[in-house]
Amino acid sequence: MMASELDALRTRLDILEAQHVVAVGLLHALLRDRPALRSDVDRIFEQTIAGLLGSETAFPDISVRAVEVMREQMFGKSGG
């Protein structure tokens, strides 16, 4: 890869990281005081993880771990 392509890729990753932080922060605030929403989001995470693990596409372990980390960040702890 050329230096300009690496710089463009780094910029895209920085943008995605910033978007992730904003999304996690917002959802964490929403989940804090809404038990029904918290339960729904937890169920979505469970379904997503199960889908990744059961997929014929063979997602790498890092993909599953990324979803688990996002879940932990949103809930402020491990799991629901």
C-alpha atoms as a PDB file:
ATOM      1  CA  MET A   1       0.000   0.000   0.000  1.00  0.00           C
ATOM      2  CA  MET A   2       1.111   3.526  -0.685  1.00  0.00           C
ATOM      3  CA  ALA A   3       1.478   6.056   2.106  1.00  0.00           C
ATOM      4  CA  SER A   4      -1.593   7.991   0.934  1.00  0.00           C
ATOM      5  CA  GLU A   5      -3.697   4.824   0.975  1.00  0.00           C
ATOM      6  CA  LEU A   6      -2.520   4.028   4.510  1.00  0.00           C
ATOM      7  CA  ASP A   7      -3.341   7.567   5.627  1.00  0.00           C
ATOM      8  CA  ALA A   8      -6.823   7.283   4.111  1.00  0.00           C
ATOM      9  CA  LEU A   9      -7.357   3.917   5.829  1.00  0.00           C
ATOM     10  CA  ARG A  10      -6.202   5.343   9.186  1.00  0.00           C
ATOM     11  CA  THR A  11      -8.582   8.273   8.764  1.00  0.00           C
ATOM     12  CA  ARG A  12     -11.486   5.917   8.046  1.00  0.00           C
ATOM     13  CA  LEU A  13     -10.617   3.841  11.122  1.00  0.00           C
ATOM     14  CA  ASP A  14     -10.413   6.977  13.275  1.00  0.00           C
ATOM     15  CA  ILE A  15     -13.857   8.022  12.060  1.00  0.00           C
ATOM     16  CA  LEU A  16     -15.315   4.584  12.782  1.00  0.00           C
ATOM     17  CA  GLU A  17     -13.780   4.615  16.259  1.00  0.00           C
ATOM     18  CA  ALA A  18     -15.285   8.033  16.998  1.00  0.00           C
ATOM     19  CA  GLN A  19     -18.698   6.876  15.757  1.00  0.00           C
ATOM     20  CA  HIS A  20     -18.436   3.763  17.927  1.00  0.00           C
ATOM     21  CA  VAL A  21     -17.673   5.818  21.039  1.00  0.00           C
ATOM     22  CA  VAL A  22     -20.641   8.129  20.425  1.00  0.00           C
ATOM     23  CA  ALA A  23     -23.027   5.225  19.754  1.00  0.00           C
ATOM     24  CA  VAL A  24     -21.891   3.287  22.807  1.00  0.00           C
ATOM     25  CA  GLY A  25     -22.136   6.349  25.027  1.00  0.00           C
ATOM     26  CA  LEU A  26     -25.633   7.199  23.840  1.00  0.00           C
ATOM     27  CA  LEU A  27     -26.942   3.668  24.176  1.00  0.00           C
ATOM     28  CA  HIS A  28     -25.317   3.252  27.579  1.00  0.00           C
ATOM     29  CA  ALA A  29     -27.162   6.369  28.788  1.00  0.00           C
ATOM     30  CA  LEU A  30     -30.458   5.116  27.339  1.00  0.00           C
ATOM     31  CA  LEU A  31     -30.065   1.649  28.827  1.00  0.00           C
ATOM     32  CA  ARG A  32     -29.209   2.878  32.294  1.00  0.00           C
ATOM     33  CA  ASP A  33     -32.783   3.786  33.248  1.00  0.00           C
ATOM     34  CA  ARG A  34     -34.916   1.680  30.903  1.00  0.00           C
ATOM     35  CA  PRO A  35     -35.105  -1.987  31.938  1.00  0.00           C
ATOM     36  CA  ALA A  36     -37.345  -3.044  29.014  1.00  0.00           C
ATOM     37  CA  LEU A  37     -35.026  -1.467  26.449  1.00  0.00           C
ATOM     38  CA  ARG A  38     -32.031  -2.959  28.250  1.00  0.00           C
ATOM     39  CA  SER A  39     -33.600  -6.413  27.985  1.00  0.00           C
ATOM     40  CA  ASP A  40     -34.361  -5.956  24.277  1.00  0.00           C
ATOM     41  CA  VAL A  41     -30.827  -4.797  23.492  1.00  0.00           C
ATOM     42  CA  ASP A  42     -29.335  -7.659  25.500  1.00  0.00           C
ATOM     43  CA  ARG A  43     -31.465 -10.109  23.497  1.00  0.00           C
ATOM     44  CA  ILE A  44     -30.246  -8.520  20.240  1.00  0.00           C
ATOM     45  CA  PHE A  45     -26.640  -9.006  21.350  1.00  0.00           C
ATOM     46  CA  GLU A  46     -27.353 -12.652  22.209  1.00  0.00           C
ATOM     47  CA  GLN A  47     -28.931 -13.217  18.786  1.00  0.00           C
ATOM     48  CA  THR A  48     -26.054 -11.473  17.018  1.00  0.00           C
ATOM     49  CA  ILE A  49     -23.413 -13.526  18.815  1.00  0.00           C
ATOM     50  CA  ALA A  50     -25.331 -16.752  18.187  1.00  0.00           C
ATOM     51  CA  GLY A  51     -25.692 -15.796  14.529  1.00  0.00           C
ATOM     52  CA  LEU A  52     -21.972 -15.171  14.169  1.00  0.00           C
ATOM     53  CA  LEU A  53     -21.095 -18.439  15.876  1.00  0.00           C
ATOM     54  CA  GLY A  54     -23.647 -20.438  13.866  1.00  0.00           C
ATOM     55  CA  SER A  55     -22.932 -18.855  10.510  1.00  0.00           C
ATOM     56  CA  GLU A  56     -21.620 -20.872   7.597  1.00  0.00           C
ATOM     57  CA  THR A  57     -19.419 -17.872   6.781  1.00  0.00           C
ATOM     58  CA  ALA A  58     -17.077 -18.798   9.666  1.00  0.00           C
ATOM     59  CA  PHE A  59     -16.583 -15.388  11.214  1.00  0.00           C
ATOM     60  CA  PRO A  60     -13.245 -15.032  12.997  1.00  0.00           C
ATOM     61  CA  ASP A  61     -13.161 -15.093  16.813  1.00  0.00           C
ATOM     62  CA  ILE A  62     -12.193 -11.412  16.782  1.00  0.00           C
ATOM     63  CA  SER A  63     -15.605 -10.577  15.260  1.00  0.00           C
ATOM     64  CA  VAL A  64     -17.444 -12.308  18.083  1.00  0.00           C
ATOM     65  CA  ARG A  65     -15.165 -10.692  20.657  1.00  0.00           C
ATOM     66  CA  ALA A  66     -15.799  -7.251  19.127  1.00  0.00           C
ATOM     67  CA  VAL A  67     -19.552  -7.710  19.624  1.00  0.00           C
ATOM     68  CA  GLU A  68     -18.971  -8.908  23.198  1.00  0.00           C
ATOM     69  CA  VAL A  69     -16.774  -5.866  23.965  1.00  0.00           C
ATOM     70  CA  MET A  70     -19.385  -3.484  22.566  1.00  0.00           C
ATOM     71  CA  ARG A  71     -22.010  -5.182  24.723  1.00  0.00           C
ATOM     72  CA  GLU A  72     -19.807  -4.830  27.814  1.00  0.00           C
ATOM     73  CA  GLN A  73     -19.238  -1.153  27.057  1.00  0.00           C
ATOM     74  CA  MET A  74     -22.930  -0.420  26.558  1.00  0.00           C
ATOM     75  CA  PHE A  75     -23.984  -2.179  29.722  1.00  0.00           C
ATOM     76  CA  GLY A  76     -21.059  -0.862  31.735  1.00  0.00           C
ATOM     77  CA  LYS A  77     -20.102  -4.398  32.756  1.00  0.00           C
ATOM     78  CA  SER A  78     -19.832  -7.896  31.383  1.00  0.00           C
ATOM     79  CA  GLY A  79     -23.109  -9.205  29.985  1.00  0.00           C
ATOM     80  CA  GLY A  80     -26.658  -8.027  30.695  1.00  0.00           C
END
